[in-house]
Every structure is written in structure tokens, then in C-alpha cells.
Amino acid sequence: MTRDTEVWKQMFQELMREVKPWHRWTLRPDKGLLPNVLKPGWMQYQQWTFARFQCSSCSRNWASAQVLVLFHMHWSEEKSRGQVKMRVFTQRCKKCPQPLFEDPEFTQENISRILKNLVFRIMKKCYRGRFQLTEEVPMIKDISLEGPHNSDNCEACLEGFCARSKQVTSLPQSQTPRVYSIYKVEEGVEPWASRKNVCSYILQNHICRHVSIFCCCVILIVIVVIVARTAI
């Protein structure tokens, strides 16, 4: 998680600016976060998702579709500021005699999907937004997994937060469902930009703002010229 922290932070802030540009939201990792242990005023959201692992001792690789990602959220309406704490639960190698718990490696696509689900939950819980969609965006598994979940080497299972009852949907890339823009979900109109288009959508928004400001300035100048000529 450490090496990907900045990616998560940046993508989360981009998604939040898309829906609440005047509010400040921050995301930070917290290894001490526990499910259902919340401070007053905080809310919880958790997802089970797909990720890969690599053992730092023997370099063995494995994949899991039951990786728990936990979020605690707090919104201050007075300060127009929100906080999100995040914990990604680890797994360890089943082959090594004394394995270390390893951080999962997520694809950019699944990071985007996890954070889009988080933003949906923030909008519903903190802003009480109206949504057409009620289902989460499913994660993508890039390989077929066989056999039961290895709960003996899963940090979440060992701490009592079993993920075996949760399932991660496996869909071909061409069949992944559309995700709707939170801006338009409240109105029920437009689709959400895909991961590749998130940055371009934000850029377009900035360009539109600058164009609007420029047009207002031109109109103002024209009015001033007309008034000046009239006065002469």
C-alpha cells in the first residue's frame, strides 16, 4: 500500500473534486483501523476486492479475490472538509515457514473502481444524494481463481473479519458495466468517465470555466465601450 499511497490519494481527490469542487476531502492510510470500531461522527464502508501478492522471502506470487479494503469517513459541514482513513488488509505466503504479511498490488482499473464506490458511498451518507444506481461497481479479476480462500494466511480472517461470504464478480473487460457520473446520477442522465477519461473530464471542466470567464470579460468590455460612446 505504501508505494501506491499517492496514486490512491490523487485519484480520490480528483473524483471528489469532480462532484464537490468546493469541498476539501483527504485520504490517508491507517494500519490501526478496525471494522465496526468507529469514533463518534465517523461512518464506515468496506469492500472485498481482487489483488495480487508477492512474497518478499521466496518471491512467490499469488492472487486473491477476497482482499478487504476498509474505509472510515468523517464529514464536517461547518468546515466543508471531509476525512477518509483507509486500511488494506494483507496476506502472507503459505509456502514459507515464517512468512511476512505482504501488501496487495492493485491494478489501476480496480483502484479506480474501489474509489468510485467509495465516492458513491460518501455522496449517499455525507450528502444524502439521490442515486439511480444501488449496486457497487464490480471488481475485475484478470485470472481465474480455483480452490477455497486461504483464511489461515489472510490478515482479515485471522483478526475475525472473514471475507469468505463475499464474492467478487469476474467479468470480461468488454462486459464490464457502465458507471454513472455522480454529477448526473442525481439527475439520472450521463455516464461516468472511465479511468482513462477522468483526467480529461477534469481538464475539460477547467477549460469550460476559463472560457466562461473570458466570455464574461468580453461582454463587460463591450458594455463599457458602448456606455463610453454613449456618454461622448
C-alpha atoms as a PDB file:
ATOM      1  CA  MET A   1       0.000   0.000   0.000  1.00  0.00           C
ATOM      2  CA  THR A   2       2.869   2.375   0.794  1.00  0.00           C
ATOM      3  CA  ARG A   3       4.139   2.597  -2.784  1.00  0.00           C
ATOM      4  CA  ASP A   4       0.622   3.164  -4.131  1.00  0.00           C
ATOM      5  CA  THR A   5      -0.494   5.641  -1.469  1.00  0.00           C
ATOM      6  CA  GLU A   6      -0.019   8.720  -3.657  1.00  0.00           C
ATOM      7  CA  VAL A   7      -1.929   7.080  -6.509  1.00  0.00           C
ATOM      8  CA  TRP A   8      -4.905   6.410  -4.210  1.00  0.00           C
ATOM      9  CA  LYS A   9      -4.788   9.938  -2.766  1.00  0.00           C
ATOM     10  CA  GLN A  10      -4.566  11.677  -6.121  1.00  0.00           C
ATOM     11  CA  MET A  11      -7.291   9.601  -7.774  1.00  0.00           C
ATOM     12  CA  PHE A  12      -9.616  10.041  -4.779  1.00  0.00           C
ATOM     13  CA  GLN A  13      -9.160  13.814  -4.733  1.00  0.00           C
ATOM     14  CA  GLU A  14      -9.783  14.024  -8.493  1.00  0.00           C
ATOM     15  CA  LEU A  15     -13.021  12.081  -8.143  1.00  0.00           C
ATOM     16  CA  MET A  16     -14.184  14.189  -5.192  1.00  0.00           C
ATOM     17  CA  ARG A  17     -13.347  17.439  -6.988  1.00  0.00           C
ATOM     18  CA  GLU A  18     -15.481  16.252  -9.867  1.00  0.00           C
ATOM     19  CA  VAL A  19     -18.556  16.055  -7.634  1.00  0.00           C
ATOM     20  CA  LYS A  20     -17.786  18.550  -4.842  1.00  0.00           C
ATOM     21  CA  PRO A  21     -15.200  21.019  -6.173  1.00  0.00           C
ATOM     22  CA  TRP A  22     -15.625  23.490  -3.289  1.00  0.00           C
ATOM     23  CA  HIS A  23     -15.166  20.922  -0.527  1.00  0.00           C
ATOM     24  CA  ARG A  24     -11.846  19.516   0.634  1.00  0.00           C
ATOM     25  CA  TRP A  25     -11.504  15.776   1.160  1.00  0.00           C
ATOM     26  CA  THR A  26      -8.351  13.927   2.207  1.00  0.00           C
ATOM     27  CA  LEU A  27      -7.458  10.229   2.178  1.00  0.00           C
ATOM     28  CA  ARG A  28      -4.753   8.668   4.321  1.00  0.00           C
ATOM     29  CA  PRO A  29      -3.789   5.099   5.289  1.00  0.00           C
ATOM     30  CA  ASP A  30      -4.281   3.909   8.868  1.00  0.00           C
ATOM     31  CA  LYS A  31      -2.999   0.428   9.795  1.00  0.00           C
ATOM     32  CA  GLY A  32      -4.861   0.580  13.115  1.00  0.00           C
ATOM     33  CA  LEU A  33      -8.315   0.836  11.534  1.00  0.00           C
ATOM     34  CA  LEU A  34     -10.792  -1.875  12.592  1.00  0.00           C
ATOM     35  CA  PRO A  35     -14.229  -2.766  11.174  1.00  0.00           C
ATOM     36  CA  ASN A  36     -17.141  -1.525  13.293  1.00  0.00           C
ATOM     37  CA  VAL A  37     -14.851   0.333  15.700  1.00  0.00           C
ATOM     38  CA  LEU A  38     -15.796   3.931  14.963  1.00  0.00           C
ATOM     39  CA  LYS A  39     -15.225   7.267  16.647  1.00  0.00           C
ATOM     40  CA  PRO A  40     -18.325   9.467  17.155  1.00  0.00           C
ATOM     41  CA  GLY A  41     -19.407  11.070  13.893  1.00  0.00           C
ATOM     42  CA  TRP A  42     -17.480   8.618  11.702  1.00  0.00           C
ATOM     43  CA  MET A  43     -19.039   6.242   9.143  1.00  0.00           C
ATOM     44  CA  GLN A  44     -17.754   3.000   7.664  1.00  0.00           C
ATOM     45  CA  TYR A  45     -17.514   1.475   4.212  1.00  0.00           C
ATOM     46  CA  GLN A  46     -15.708  -1.747   3.254  1.00  0.00           C
ATOM     47  CA  GLN A  47     -15.129  -3.682   0.052  1.00  0.00           C
ATOM     48  CA  TRP A  48     -13.785  -7.122  -0.801  1.00  0.00           C
ATOM     49  CA  THR A  49     -11.787  -6.923  -3.988  1.00  0.00           C
ATOM     50  CA  PHE A  50      -9.194  -8.589  -6.240  1.00  0.00           C
ATOM     51  CA  ALA A  51      -5.434  -8.059  -5.913  1.00  0.00           C
ATOM     52  CA  ARG A  52      -2.079  -9.791  -6.338  1.00  0.00           C
ATOM     53  CA  PHE A  53       0.628 -10.513  -3.772  1.00  0.00           C
ATOM     54  CA  GLN A  54       4.337 -11.340  -3.876  1.00  0.00           C
ATOM     55  CA  CYS A  55       6.270 -12.938  -1.039  1.00  0.00           C
ATOM     56  CA  SER A  56       9.284 -10.870  -0.014  1.00  0.00           C
ATOM     57  CA  SER A  57      11.104 -14.051   1.117  1.00  0.00           C
ATOM     58  CA  CYS A  58      10.663 -16.551  -1.725  1.00  0.00           C
ATOM     59  CA  SER A  59       9.246 -14.228  -4.450  1.00  0.00           C
ATOM     60  CA  ARG A  60       6.206 -16.477  -4.871  1.00  0.00           C
ATOM     61  CA  ASN A  61       3.201 -14.776  -6.475  1.00  0.00           C
ATOM     62  CA  TRP A  62      -0.476 -15.398  -5.795  1.00  0.00           C
ATOM     63  CA  ALA A  63      -3.803 -13.683  -6.349  1.00  0.00           C
ATOM     64  CA  SER A  64      -6.879 -13.282  -4.169  1.00  0.00           C
ATOM     65  CA  ALA A  65     -10.400 -12.076  -4.839  1.00  0.00           C
ATOM     66  CA  GLN A  66     -11.128 -11.559  -1.137  1.00  0.00           C
ATOM     67  CA  VAL A  67      -8.876  -8.679  -0.165  1.00  0.00           C
ATOM     68  CA  LEU A  68     -10.571  -6.468   2.398  1.00  0.00           C
ATOM     69  CA  VAL A  69     -10.325  -2.691   1.938  1.00  0.00           C
ATOM     70  CA  LEU A  70     -11.754  -0.733   4.869  1.00  0.00           C
ATOM     71  CA  PHE A  71     -12.684   2.966   4.934  1.00  0.00           C
ATOM     72  CA  HIS A  72     -13.756   5.211   7.801  1.00  0.00           C
ATOM     73  CA  MET A  73     -15.245   8.567   6.743  1.00  0.00           C
ATOM     74  CA  HIS A  74     -15.952  11.832   8.571  1.00  0.00           C
ATOM     75  CA  TRP A  75     -17.606  14.954   7.169  1.00  0.00           C
ATOM     76  CA  SER A  76     -17.571  18.386   8.846  1.00  0.00           C
ATOM     77  CA  GLU A  77     -20.286  20.569   7.347  1.00  0.00           C
ATOM     78  CA  GLU A  78     -19.085  23.611   9.288  1.00  0.00           C
ATOM     79  CA  LYS A  79     -15.584  23.419   7.808  1.00  0.00           C
ATOM     80  CA  SER A  80     -16.680  21.960   4.438  1.00  0.00           C
ATOM     81  CA  ARG A  81     -13.975  19.363   4.967  1.00  0.00           C
ATOM     82  CA  GLY A  82     -14.001  15.579   4.905  1.00  0.00           C
ATOM     83  CA  GLN A  83     -11.560  12.903   6.000  1.00  0.00           C
ATOM     84  CA  VAL A  84     -11.191   9.289   4.920  1.00  0.00           C
ATOM     85  CA  LYS A  85      -8.996   6.757   6.684  1.00  0.00           C
ATOM     86  CA  MET A  86      -8.137   3.620   4.782  1.00  0.00           C
ATOM     87  CA  ARG A  87      -6.776   0.205   5.656  1.00  0.00           C
ATOM     88  CA  VAL A  88      -5.907  -2.525   3.162  1.00  0.00           C
ATOM     89  CA  PHE A  89      -5.635  -5.932   4.820  1.00  0.00           C
ATOM     90  CA  THR A  90      -2.630  -8.063   3.962  1.00  0.00           C
ATOM     91  CA  GLN A  91      -1.928 -11.745   3.261  1.00  0.00           C
ATOM     92  CA  ARG A  92       1.108 -13.984   3.734  1.00  0.00           C
ATOM     93  CA  CYS A  93       2.747 -16.764   1.754  1.00  0.00           C
ATOM     94  CA  LYS A  94       1.510 -20.273   2.528  1.00  0.00           C
ATOM     95  CA  LYS A  95       4.805 -21.889   1.418  1.00  0.00           C
ATOM     96  CA  CYS A  96       7.336 -20.108   3.651  1.00  0.00           C
ATOM     97  CA  PRO A  97       7.908 -21.305   7.244  1.00  0.00           C
ATOM     98  CA  GLN A  98       7.913 -17.772   8.741  1.00  0.00           C
ATOM     99  CA  PRO A  99       6.237 -15.570   6.149  1.00  0.00           C
ATOM    100  CA  LEU A 100       5.671 -11.851   6.445  1.00  0.00           C
ATOM    101  CA  PHE A 101       2.327 -10.244   5.721  1.00  0.00           C
ATOM    102  CA  GLU A 102       2.534  -8.640   2.293  1.00  0.00           C
ATOM    103  CA  ASP A 103       0.683  -5.619   0.915  1.00  0.00           C
ATOM    104  CA  PRO A 104      -1.558  -6.319  -2.088  1.00  0.00           C
ATOM    105  CA  GLU A 105      -0.905  -4.891  -5.539  1.00  0.00           C
ATOM    106  CA  PHE A 106      -3.966  -3.470  -7.314  1.00  0.00           C
ATOM    107  CA  THR A 107      -4.447  -2.656 -10.963  1.00  0.00           C
ATOM    108  CA  GLN A 108      -5.179   0.967 -11.822  1.00  0.00           C
ATOM    109  CA  GLU A 109      -8.629  -0.124 -13.008  1.00  0.00           C
ATOM    110  CA  ASN A 110      -9.553  -1.730  -9.708  1.00  0.00           C
ATOM    111  CA  ILE A 111      -8.198   1.218  -7.709  1.00  0.00           C
ATOM    112  CA  SER A 112     -10.463   3.429  -9.799  1.00  0.00           C
ATOM    113  CA  ARG A 113     -13.468   1.160  -9.212  1.00  0.00           C
ATOM    114  CA  ILE A 114     -12.847   0.909  -5.453  1.00  0.00           C
ATOM    115  CA  LEU A 115     -12.623   4.687  -5.155  1.00  0.00           C
ATOM    116  CA  LYS A 116     -15.691   5.275  -7.322  1.00  0.00           C
ATOM    117  CA  ASN A 117     -17.644   3.003  -4.977  1.00  0.00           C
ATOM    118  CA  LEU A 118     -16.241   4.954  -2.042  1.00  0.00           C
ATOM    119  CA  VAL A 119     -17.294   8.275  -3.569  1.00  0.00           C
ATOM    120  CA  PHE A 120     -20.802   6.911  -4.186  1.00  0.00           C
ATOM    121  CA  ARG A 121     -20.993   5.953  -0.502  1.00  0.00           C
ATOM    122  CA  ILE A 122     -19.711   9.361   0.617  1.00  0.00           C
ATOM    123  CA  MET A 123     -22.328  11.106  -1.509  1.00  0.00           C
ATOM    124  CA  LYS A 124     -25.093   8.941  -0.052  1.00  0.00           C
ATOM    125  CA  LYS A 125     -24.016   9.051   3.589  1.00  0.00           C
ATOM    126  CA  CYS A 126     -22.495  12.528   3.904  1.00  0.00           C
ATOM    127  CA  TYR A 127     -24.506  14.491   1.345  1.00  0.00           C
ATOM    128  CA  ARG A 128     -27.639  12.328   1.174  1.00  0.00           C
ATOM    129  CA  GLY A 129     -27.538  12.438  -2.615  1.00  0.00           C
ATOM    130  CA  ARG A 130     -30.205  10.774  -4.741  1.00  0.00           C
ATOM    131  CA  PHE A 131     -28.984   7.910  -6.904  1.00  0.00           C
ATOM    132  CA  GLN A 132     -30.421   5.720  -9.602  1.00  0.00           C
ATOM    133  CA  LEU A 133     -27.744   3.075  -9.096  1.00  0.00           C
ATOM    134  CA  THR A 134     -27.827   0.980  -5.927  1.00  0.00           C
ATOM    135  CA  GLU A 135     -25.236  -1.682  -6.792  1.00  0.00           C
ATOM    136  CA  GLU A 136     -21.499  -1.318  -6.449  1.00  0.00           C
ATOM    137  CA  VAL A 137     -19.188  -1.361  -9.435  1.00  0.00           C
ATOM    138  CA  PRO A 138     -17.748  -4.924  -9.561  1.00  0.00           C
ATOM    139  CA  MET A 139     -14.018  -5.510  -9.444  1.00  0.00           C
ATOM    140  CA  ILE A 140     -12.171  -7.153 -12.338  1.00  0.00           C
ATOM    141  CA  LYS A 141     -10.296 -10.439 -11.926  1.00  0.00           C
ATOM    142  CA  ASP A 142      -7.625 -10.828 -14.603  1.00  0.00           C
ATOM    143  CA  ILE A 143      -7.188 -14.559 -13.914  1.00  0.00           C
ATOM    144  CA  SER A 144      -9.453 -17.439 -12.961  1.00  0.00           C
ATOM    145  CA  LEU A 145      -9.072 -18.474  -9.317  1.00  0.00           C
ATOM    146  CA  GLU A 146      -9.572 -22.019  -8.066  1.00  0.00           C
ATOM    147  CA  GLY A 147      -9.830 -23.507  -4.603  1.00  0.00           C
ATOM    148  CA  PRO A 148     -11.054 -22.096  -1.270  1.00  0.00           C
ATOM    149  CA  HIS A 149      -9.918 -18.852   0.307  1.00  0.00           C
ATOM    150  CA  ASN A 150      -6.751 -19.392   2.405  1.00  0.00           C
ATOM    151  CA  SER A 151      -8.078 -17.947   5.664  1.00  0.00           C
ATOM    152  CA  ASP A 152      -5.052 -19.181   7.667  1.00  0.00           C
ATOM    153  CA  ASN A 153      -2.840 -16.642   5.881  1.00  0.00           C
ATOM    154  CA  CYS A 154      -5.333 -13.793   5.495  1.00  0.00           C
ATOM    155  CA  GLU A 155      -4.937 -10.919   7.958  1.00  0.00           C
ATOM    156  CA  ALA A 156      -8.643 -10.034   7.843  1.00  0.00           C
ATOM    157  CA  CYS A 157      -9.707 -13.617   8.570  1.00  0.00           C
ATOM    158  CA  LEU A 158      -7.158 -14.044  11.356  1.00  0.00           C
ATOM    159  CA  GLU A 159      -8.494 -10.884  13.022  1.00  0.00           C
ATOM    160  CA  GLY A 160     -12.053 -12.163  12.761  1.00  0.00           C
ATOM    161  CA  PHE A 161     -13.247 -10.223   9.709  1.00  0.00           C
ATOM    162  CA  CYS A 162     -13.960 -13.178   7.435  1.00  0.00           C
ATOM    163  CA  ALA A 163     -14.326 -12.418   3.744  1.00  0.00           C
ATOM    164  CA  ARG A 164     -15.469 -15.862   2.598  1.00  0.00           C
ATOM    165  CA  SER A 165     -19.126 -14.820   2.408  1.00  0.00           C
ATOM    166  CA  LYS A 166     -18.286 -12.003  -0.010  1.00  0.00           C
ATOM    167  CA  GLN A 167     -17.896 -12.620  -3.721  1.00  0.00           C
ATOM    168  CA  VAL A 168     -16.067 -10.519  -6.299  1.00  0.00           C
ATOM    169  CA  THR A 169     -17.684 -10.528  -9.710  1.00  0.00           C
ATOM    170  CA  SER A 170     -15.461 -11.681 -12.561  1.00  0.00           C
ATOM    171  CA  LEU A 171     -16.338 -10.047 -15.870  1.00  0.00           C
ATOM    172  CA  PRO A 172     -14.508  -9.858 -19.193  1.00  0.00           C
ATOM    173  CA  GLN A 173     -13.207  -6.379 -19.904  1.00  0.00           C
ATOM    174  CA  SER A 174     -15.681  -5.982 -22.777  1.00  0.00           C
ATOM    175  CA  GLN A 175     -18.619  -6.765 -20.463  1.00  0.00           C
ATOM    176  CA  THR A 176     -17.796  -4.516 -17.548  1.00  0.00           C
ATOM    177  CA  PRO A 177     -20.834  -2.385 -16.656  1.00  0.00           C
ATOM    178  CA  ARG A 178     -21.058   1.334 -17.191  1.00  0.00           C
ATOM    179  CA  VAL A 179     -20.552   3.521 -14.154  1.00  0.00           C
ATOM    180  CA  TYR A 180     -22.555   6.691 -13.935  1.00  0.00           C
ATOM    181  CA  SER A 181     -21.250  10.146 -13.113  1.00  0.00           C
ATOM    182  CA  ILE A 182     -22.250  11.270  -9.649  1.00  0.00           C
ATOM    183  CA  TYR A 183     -22.982  14.710 -11.079  1.00  0.00           C
ATOM    184  CA  LYS A 184     -25.557  13.183 -13.385  1.00  0.00           C
ATOM    185  CA  VAL A 185     -26.640  10.235 -11.246  1.00  0.00           C
ATOM    186  CA  GLU A 186     -28.553  12.689  -9.082  1.00  0.00           C
ATOM    187  CA  GLU A 187     -30.384  13.737 -12.248  1.00  0.00           C
ATOM    188  CA  GLY A 188     -30.215  10.283 -13.863  1.00  0.00           C
ATOM    189  CA  VAL A 189     -28.585  11.332 -17.127  1.00  0.00           C
ATOM    190  CA  GLU A 190     -24.940  10.964 -18.087  1.00  0.00           C
ATOM    191  CA  PRO A 191     -22.325   8.187 -17.783  1.00  0.00           C
ATOM    192  CA  TRP A 192     -19.296   8.499 -15.555  1.00  0.00           C
ATOM    193  CA  ALA A 193     -15.944   8.851 -17.280  1.00  0.00           C
ATOM    194  CA  SER A 194     -13.784   5.778 -17.365  1.00  0.00           C
ATOM    195  CA  ARG A 195     -10.395   5.763 -15.670  1.00  0.00           C
ATOM    196  CA  LYS A 196      -8.697   6.969 -18.855  1.00  0.00           C
ATOM    197  CA  ASN A 197     -11.149   9.850 -19.182  1.00  0.00           C
ATOM    198  CA  VAL A 198     -11.194  11.078 -15.584  1.00  0.00           C
ATOM    199  CA  CYS A 199      -8.289  13.477 -16.091  1.00  0.00           C
ATOM    200  CA  SER A 200      -9.638  14.685 -19.440  1.00  0.00           C
ATOM    201  CA  TYR A 201     -13.039  15.362 -17.884  1.00  0.00           C
ATOM    202  CA  ILE A 202     -11.426  17.443 -15.152  1.00  0.00           C
ATOM    203  CA  LEU A 203      -9.360  19.301 -17.761  1.00  0.00           C
ATOM    204  CA  GLN A 204     -12.477  19.984 -19.795  1.00  0.00           C
ATOM    205  CA  ASN A 205     -14.208  21.376 -16.721  1.00  0.00           C
ATOM    206  CA  HIS A 206     -11.307  23.757 -16.131  1.00  0.00           C
ATOM    207  CA  ILE A 207     -11.324  24.837 -19.779  1.00  0.00           C
ATOM    208  CA  CYS A 208     -15.062  25.486 -19.662  1.00  0.00           C
ATOM    209  CA  ARG A 209     -14.627  27.662 -16.593  1.00  0.00           C
ATOM    210  CA  HIS A 210     -11.868  29.681 -18.255  1.00  0.00           C
ATOM    211  CA  VAL A 211     -13.929  30.091 -21.435  1.00  0.00           C
ATOM    212  CA  SER A 212     -16.898  31.305 -19.404  1.00  0.00           C
ATOM    213  CA  ILE A 213     -14.733  33.841 -17.584  1.00  0.00           C
ATOM    214  CA  PHE A 214     -13.266  35.040 -20.892  1.00  0.00           C
ATOM    215  CA  CYS A 215     -16.742  35.475 -22.423  1.00  0.00           C
ATOM    216  CA  CYS A 216     -17.901  37.454 -19.398  1.00  0.00           C
ATOM    217  CA  CYS A 217     -14.865  39.732 -19.698  1.00  0.00           C
ATOM    218  CA  VAL A 218     -15.530  40.317 -23.412  1.00  0.00           C
ATOM    219  CA  ILE A 219     -19.181  41.164 -22.732  1.00  0.00           C
ATOM    220  CA  LEU A 220     -18.144  43.529 -19.946  1.00  0.00           C
ATOM    221  CA  ILE A 221     -15.661  45.308 -22.231  1.00  0.00           C
ATOM    222  CA  VAL A 222     -18.309  45.680 -24.951  1.00  0.00           C
ATOM    223  CA  ILE A 223     -20.743  47.175 -22.435  1.00  0.00           C
ATOM    224  CA  VAL A 224     -18.103  49.616 -21.169  1.00  0.00           C
ATOM    225  CA  VAL A 225     -17.290  50.705 -24.758  1.00  0.00           C
ATOM    226  CA  ILE A 226     -20.966  51.247 -25.575  1.00  0.00           C
ATOM    227  CA  VAL A 227     -21.535  53.261 -22.409  1.00  0.00           C
ATOM    228  CA  ALA A 228     -18.443  55.341 -23.090  1.00  0.00           C
ATOM    229  CA  ARG A 229     -19.519  56.111 -26.650  1.00  0.00           C
ATOM    230  CA  THR A 230     -22.998  56.988 -25.474  1.00  0.00           C
ATOM    231  CA  ALA A 231     -21.585  59.367 -22.885  1.00  0.00           C
ATOM    232  CA  ILE A 232     -19.449  61.099 -25.545  1.00  0.00           C
END
